[in-house]
C-alpha atoms as a PDB file:
ATOM      1  CA  MET A   1      -0.128   0.022   0.042  1.00  0.00           C
ATOM      2  CA  GLU A   2       1.372   3.217  -0.984  1.00  0.00           C
ATOM      3  CA  ARG A   3       1.280   5.985   1.424  1.00  0.00           C
ATOM      4  CA  THR A   4       0.690   9.657   0.488  1.00  0.00           C
ATOM      5  CA  THR A   5       1.507  12.750   2.481  1.00  0.00           C
ATOM      6  CA  THR A   6      -0.154  15.944   1.955  1.00  0.00           C
ATOM      7  CA  ALA A   7       1.239  19.077   2.740  1.00  0.00           C
ATOM      8  CA  SER A   8      -0.614  21.231   5.505  1.00  0.00           C
ATOM      9  CA  PRO A   9      -1.711  24.745   4.792  1.00  0.00           C
ATOM     10  CA  THR A  10       1.181  25.888   7.312  1.00  0.00           C
ATOM     11  CA  ASP A  11       3.678  24.152   5.098  1.00  0.00           C
ATOM     12  CA  PHE A  12       2.446  25.767   1.966  1.00  0.00           C
ATOM     13  CA  LEU A  13       2.473  29.417   3.628  1.00  0.00           C
ATOM     14  CA  ASP A  14       5.833  28.786   5.228  1.00  0.00           C
ATOM     15  CA  ARG A  15       7.231  27.740   1.680  1.00  0.00           C
ATOM     16  CA  ALA A  16       5.625  30.607   0.248  1.00  0.00           C
ATOM     17  CA  LEU A  17       6.939  33.289   2.737  1.00  0.00           C
ATOM     18  CA  VAL A  18      10.419  31.878   2.239  1.00  0.00           C
ATOM     19  CA  GLU A  19      10.147  32.273  -1.569  1.00  0.00           C
ATOM     20  CA  GLU A  20       8.678  35.563  -1.366  1.00  0.00           C
ATOM     21  CA  ALA A  21      11.365  36.913   0.929  1.00  0.00           C
ATOM     22  CA  ALA A  22      14.111  35.489  -1.008  1.00  0.00           C
ATOM     23  CA  LYS A  23      12.719  37.117  -4.046  1.00  0.00           C
ATOM     24  CA  LYS A  24      12.345  40.409  -2.707  1.00  0.00           C
ATOM     25  CA  SER A  25      15.580  41.019  -0.888  1.00  0.00           C
ATOM     26  CA  GLY A  26      18.935  40.970  -2.356  1.00  0.00           C
ATOM     27  CA  LEU A  27      20.700  40.089   0.877  1.00  0.00           C
ATOM     28  CA  LEU A  28      20.492  37.224   3.397  1.00  0.00           C
ATOM     29  CA  TRP A  29      22.457  35.972   6.159  1.00  0.00           C
ATOM     30  CA  VAL A  30      24.169  32.603   5.877  1.00  0.00           C
ATOM     31  CA  ARG A  31      25.856  30.442   8.536  1.00  0.00           C
ATOM     32  CA  PRO A  32      27.272  27.246   7.236  1.00  0.00           C
ATOM     33  CA  ALA A  33      27.072  24.008   9.546  1.00  0.00           C
ATOM     34  CA  GLY A  34      29.667  23.953  12.161  1.00  0.00           C
ATOM     35  CA  GLN A  35      30.697  27.781  12.048  1.00  0.00           C
ATOM     36  CA  SER A  36      29.484  30.258  14.925  1.00  0.00           C
ATOM     37  CA  HIS A  37      28.746  33.353  12.548  1.00  0.00           C
ATOM     38  CA  ALA A  38      26.490  34.137   9.778  1.00  0.00           C
ATOM     39  CA  ARG A  39      27.736  36.371   7.020  1.00  0.00           C
ATOM     40  CA  PRO A  40      25.665  38.401   4.243  1.00  0.00           C
ATOM     41  CA  LEU A  41      25.638  37.205   1.005  1.00  0.00           C
ATOM     42  CA  TRP A  42      23.794  38.631  -2.339  1.00  0.00           C
ATOM     43  CA  HIS A  43      21.884  35.790  -3.822  1.00  0.00           C
ATOM     44  CA  ALA A  44      19.073  35.133  -6.333  1.00  0.00           C
ATOM     45  CA  TRP A  45      16.019  32.956  -6.173  1.00  0.00           C
ATOM     46  CA  HIS A  46      15.682  30.178  -8.870  1.00  0.00           C
ATOM     47  CA  ASP A  47      13.845  26.992  -9.234  1.00  0.00           C
ATOM     48  CA  GLY A  48      12.714  26.688  -5.904  1.00  0.00           C
ATOM     49  CA  ALA A  49      16.042  27.732  -4.019  1.00  0.00           C
ATOM     50  CA  VAL A  50      18.260  30.339  -3.128  1.00  0.00           C
ATOM     51  CA  VAL A  51      21.674  30.385  -5.376  1.00  0.00           C
ATOM     52  CA  VAL A  52      24.711  32.227  -4.887  1.00  0.00           C
ATOM     53  CA  VAL A  53      27.996  32.853  -6.320  1.00  0.00           C
ATOM     54  CA  GLY A  54      31.302  33.314  -4.623  1.00  0.00           C
ATOM     55  CA  ASP A  55      35.057  32.794  -3.960  1.00  0.00           C
ATOM     56  CA  GLY A  56      37.278  33.573  -6.568  1.00  0.00           C
ATOM     57  CA  SER A  57      36.991  37.164  -7.317  1.00  0.00           C
ATOM     58  CA  GLU A  58      33.281  37.498  -6.037  1.00  0.00           C
ATOM     59  CA  GLN A  59      31.981  37.672  -2.564  1.00  0.00           C
ATOM     60  CA  PRO A  60      33.703  35.089   0.196  1.00  0.00           C
ATOM     61  CA  LEU A  61      31.637  32.080   1.049  1.00  0.00           C
ATOM     62  CA  HIS A  62      33.540  31.666   4.096  1.00  0.00           C
ATOM     63  CA  GLY A  63      33.373  27.579   3.706  1.00  0.00           C
ATOM     64  CA  LEU A  64      29.961  27.356   2.462  1.00  0.00           C
ATOM     65  CA  ALA A  65      31.029  25.148  -0.281  1.00  0.00           C
ATOM     66  CA  ALA A  66      32.423  22.515   1.727  1.00  0.00           C
ATOM     67  CA  VAL A  67      29.527  22.042   3.938  1.00  0.00           C
ATOM     68  CA  THR A  68      26.083  19.981   3.176  1.00  0.00           C
ATOM     69  CA  SER A  69      23.842  22.314   5.454  1.00  0.00           C
ATOM     70  CA  ALA A  70      23.439  25.963   6.280  1.00  0.00           C
ATOM     71  CA  ALA A  71      21.308  28.090   8.473  1.00  0.00           C
ATOM     72  CA  ILE A  72      19.565  30.953   6.476  1.00  0.00           C
ATOM     73  CA  THR A  73      18.096  34.355   7.741  1.00  0.00           C
ATOM     74  CA  LEU A  74      15.886  36.213   5.210  1.00  0.00           C
ATOM     75  CA  ARG A  75      15.303  39.798   5.917  1.00  0.00           C
ATOM     76  CA  SER A  76      12.100  41.965   4.962  1.00  0.00           C
ATOM     77  CA  LYS A  77      12.728  44.326   2.002  1.00  0.00           C
ATOM     78  CA  ASP A  78      10.950  47.195   3.396  1.00  0.00           C
ATOM     79  CA  LYS A  79      12.057  47.302   6.952  1.00  0.00           C
ATOM     80  CA  TRP A  80      15.203  45.400   6.789  1.00  0.00           C
ATOM     81  CA  GLY A  81      14.416  43.300  10.002  1.00  0.00           C
ATOM     82  CA  ARG A  82      14.736  39.634   9.980  1.00  0.00           C
ATOM     83  CA  LEU A  83      11.677  37.757   8.645  1.00  0.00           C
ATOM     84  CA  VAL A  84      12.298  34.092   8.589  1.00  0.00           C
ATOM     85  CA  ALA A  85      14.994  31.396   9.413  1.00  0.00           C
ATOM     86  CA  LEU A  86      15.389  28.209   8.019  1.00  0.00           C
ATOM     87  CA  THR A  87      17.849  25.282   7.406  1.00  0.00           C
ATOM     88  CA  ALA A  88      18.980  24.509   3.759  1.00  0.00           C
ATOM     89  CA  THR A  89      20.891  21.916   1.933  1.00  0.00           C
ATOM     90  CA  VAL A  90      23.977  23.210   0.167  1.00  0.00           C
ATOM     91  CA  THR A  91      24.758  21.930  -3.286  1.00  0.00           C
ATOM     92  CA  ARG A  92      27.599  22.763  -5.512  1.00  0.00           C
ATOM     93  CA  LEU A  93      26.351  23.007  -9.118  1.00  0.00           C
ATOM     94  CA  ASP A  94      28.635  21.875 -11.935  1.00  0.00           C
ATOM     95  CA  PRO A  95      29.356  24.140 -14.673  1.00  0.00           C
ATOM     96  CA  GLY A  96      27.688  23.118 -18.117  1.00  0.00           C
ATOM     97  CA  THR A  97      24.566  21.464 -16.311  1.00  0.00           C
ATOM     98  CA  PRO A  98      21.040  23.003 -16.974  1.00  0.00           C
ATOM     99  CA  ALA A  99      20.774  23.861 -13.234  1.00  0.00           C
ATOM    100  CA  TRP A 100      24.003  25.674 -13.419  1.00  0.00           C
ATOM    101  CA  ASP A 101      23.266  27.503 -16.657  1.00  0.00           C
ATOM    102  CA  GLY A 102      19.860  28.453 -15.228  1.00  0.00           C
ATOM    103  CA  ALA A 103      21.224  29.761 -11.687  1.00  0.00           C
ATOM    104  CA  VAL A 104      23.921  31.693 -13.780  1.00  0.00           C
ATOM    105  CA  GLU A 105      21.319  33.243 -15.903  1.00  0.00           C
ATOM    106  CA  GLU A 106      19.553  34.641 -12.761  1.00  0.00           C
ATOM    107  CA  LEU A 107      22.491  35.614 -10.915  1.00  0.00           C
ATOM    108  CA  LYS A 108      23.774  37.581 -13.831  1.00  0.00           C
ATOM    109  CA  GLY A 109      20.726  39.830 -13.453  1.00  0.00           C
ATOM    110  CA  LYS A 110      21.571  40.354  -9.753  1.00  0.00           C
ATOM    111  CA  ARG A 111      25.209  41.190 -10.077  1.00  0.00           C
ATOM    112  CA  LEU A 112      25.902  44.753  -9.762  1.00  0.00           C
ATOM    113  CA  ASN A 113      29.006  46.529 -11.303  1.00  0.00           C
ATOM    114  CA  ALA A 114      30.383  43.257 -12.775  1.00  0.00           C
ATOM    115  CA  PRO A 115      33.842  44.154 -14.782  1.00  0.00           C
ATOM    116  CA  ASP A 116      32.913  41.587 -17.458  1.00  0.00           C
ATOM    117  CA  THR A 117      29.115  41.215 -17.914  1.00  0.00           C
ATOM    118  CA  ASP A 118      29.758  39.751 -21.157  1.00  0.00           C
ATOM    119  CA  THR A 119      31.877  36.834 -20.092  1.00  0.00           C
ATOM    120  CA  ILE A 120      30.861  36.770 -16.432  1.00  0.00           C
ATOM    121  CA  GLY A 121      29.633  33.147 -16.716  1.00  0.00           C
ATOM    122  CA  GLU A 122      32.845  31.808 -18.039  1.00  0.00           C
ATOM    123  CA  ARG A 123      34.730  33.400 -15.342  1.00  0.00           C
ATOM    124  CA  TRP A 124      32.539  31.967 -12.800  1.00  0.00           C
ATOM    125  CA  ALA A 125      33.034  28.628 -14.405  1.00  0.00           C
ATOM    126  CA  ARG A 126      36.843  28.854 -13.985  1.00  0.00           C
ATOM    127  CA  GLU A 127      37.165  30.444 -10.534  1.00  0.00           C
ATOM    128  CA  CYS A 128      33.861  30.456  -8.531  1.00  0.00           C
ATOM    129  CA  HIS A 129      31.346  28.159  -6.905  1.00  0.00           C
ATOM    130  CA  VAL A 130      27.892  28.577  -7.756  1.00  0.00           C
ATOM    131  CA  LEU A 131      25.746  26.926  -4.844  1.00  0.00           C
ATOM    132  CA  ARG A 132      21.893  25.927  -4.523  1.00  0.00           C
ATOM    133  CA  LEU A 133      20.744  26.303  -1.056  1.00  0.00           C
ATOM    134  CA  ALA A 134      17.435  24.480  -0.956  1.00  0.00           C
ATOM    135  CA  PRO A 135      15.008  24.967   1.813  1.00  0.00           C
ATOM    136  CA  VAL A 136      14.604  21.661   3.974  1.00  0.00           C
ATOM    137  CA  ASP A 137      11.068  20.433   4.149  1.00  0.00           C
ATOM    138  CA  ALA A 138      10.917  21.031   8.046  1.00  0.00           C
ATOM    139  CA  PRO A 139       9.279  23.731  10.184  1.00  0.00           C
ATOM    140  CA  LEU A 140      10.866  27.207  10.031  1.00  0.00           C
ATOM    141  CA  ALA A 141      13.600  27.664  12.494  1.00  0.00           C
ATOM    142  CA  PRO A 142      13.320  30.325  15.379  1.00  0.00           C
ATOM    143  CA  LEU A 143      14.821  33.454  14.446  1.00  0.00           C
ATOM    144  CA  PRO A 144      18.074  34.145  15.948  1.00  0.00           C
ATOM    145  CA  ASP A 145      18.362  35.810  19.179  1.00  0.00           C
ATOM    146  CA  ASP A 146      21.850  37.535  18.479  1.00  0.00           C
ATOM    147  CA  ASP A 147      22.717  40.358  16.294  1.00  0.00           C
ATOM    148  CA  LEU A 148      24.426  38.362  13.654  1.00  0.00           C
ATOM    149  CA  ALA A 149      27.262  40.579  13.819  1.00  0.00           C
ATOM    150  CA  ALA A 150      30.737  39.491  12.744  1.00  0.00           C
ATOM    151  CA  ALA A 151      34.134  40.970  12.935  1.00  0.00           C
ATOM    152  CA  PRO A 152      34.980  42.691   9.542  1.00  0.00           C
ATOM    153  CA  LEU A 153      37.425  40.443   7.591  1.00  0.00           C
ATOM    154  CA  PRO A 154      41.046  41.676   7.315  1.00  0.00           C
ATOM    155  CA  THR A 155      41.620  43.927   4.446  1.00  0.00           C
ATOM    156  CA  ALA A 156      44.121  46.201   3.187  1.00  0.00           C
ATOM    157  CA  ALA A 157      41.919  49.094   2.735  1.00  0.00           C
ATOM    158  CA  THR A 158      42.279  51.869   5.206  1.00  0.00           C
ATOM    159  CA  THR A 159      40.347  54.661   6.635  1.00  0.00           C
ATOM    160  CA  ARG A 160      40.859  58.496   5.983  1.00  0.00           C
ATOM    161  CA  ARG A 161      43.438  60.096   8.157  1.00  0.00           C
ATOM    162  CA  PRO A 162      42.181  62.920  10.581  1.00  0.00           C
ATOM    163  CA  VAL A 163      41.517  66.184   9.057  1.00  0.00           C
ATOM    164  CA  PRO A 164      44.890  68.346   8.854  1.00  0.00           C
ATOM    165  CA  ALA A 165      44.619  71.196  11.783  1.00  0.00           C
ATOM    166  CA  GLY A 166      45.148  73.773   8.961  1.00  0.00           C
ATOM    167  CA  LEU A 167      41.946  72.608   6.777  1.00  0.00           C
ATOM    168  CA  PRO A 168      39.287  74.568   8.521  1.00  0.00           C
ATOM    169  CA  LYS A 169      41.076  77.878   8.429  1.00  0.00           C
ATOM    170  CA  LEU A 170      41.674  77.355   4.892  1.00  0.00           C
ATOM    171  CA  LEU A 171      37.976  76.614   4.066  1.00  0.00           C
ATOM    172  CA  LEU A 172      36.663  79.542   6.159  1.00  0.00           C
ATOM    173  CA  LYS A 173      39.138  81.947   4.610  1.00  0.00           C
ATOM    174  CA  ARG A 174      37.784  80.881   1.074  1.00  0.00           C
ATOM    175  CA  ARG A 175      34.097  81.657   2.083  1.00  0.00           C
ATOM    176  CA  GLY A 176      35.017  84.946   3.198  1.00  0.00           C
ATOM    177  CA  ARG A 177      36.040  86.065  -0.573  1.00  0.00           C
END
């Protein structure tokens, strides 16, 4: 005898909430399994899952490509507050497959200021990971209690130096003319 399961209305509403939140907001927080901090990533929604591209010359994925599951927090587009949290399975998409091609087409439209818009897919195939984060069919996770903040990554960028002491005088002198 074959057993059939039917999705409850709550399951349907949860899936709809996740899909709508992922489509509306271009940013989510991802915490790979085994790590303590979530990191923000830009993403796209494609074929029932979140897709991200990273590493290489794109956004750092912080070990996401090496795990099989991750915790995701999606935000509200209008208020930017946490809207929904869930668990997702992480799958790396291989270049040249239909799943990879579809994900890349969706991600290309979301990638701002790309240096090589015509050949971006080829560059991603060479040096980046394209990952599919599919929501697990389970109740939504409770929203995190912490602030999801993480220490900034090390960088060679510097902040501006203090304003030279004589600059305010110079500026005020010019106004007087």
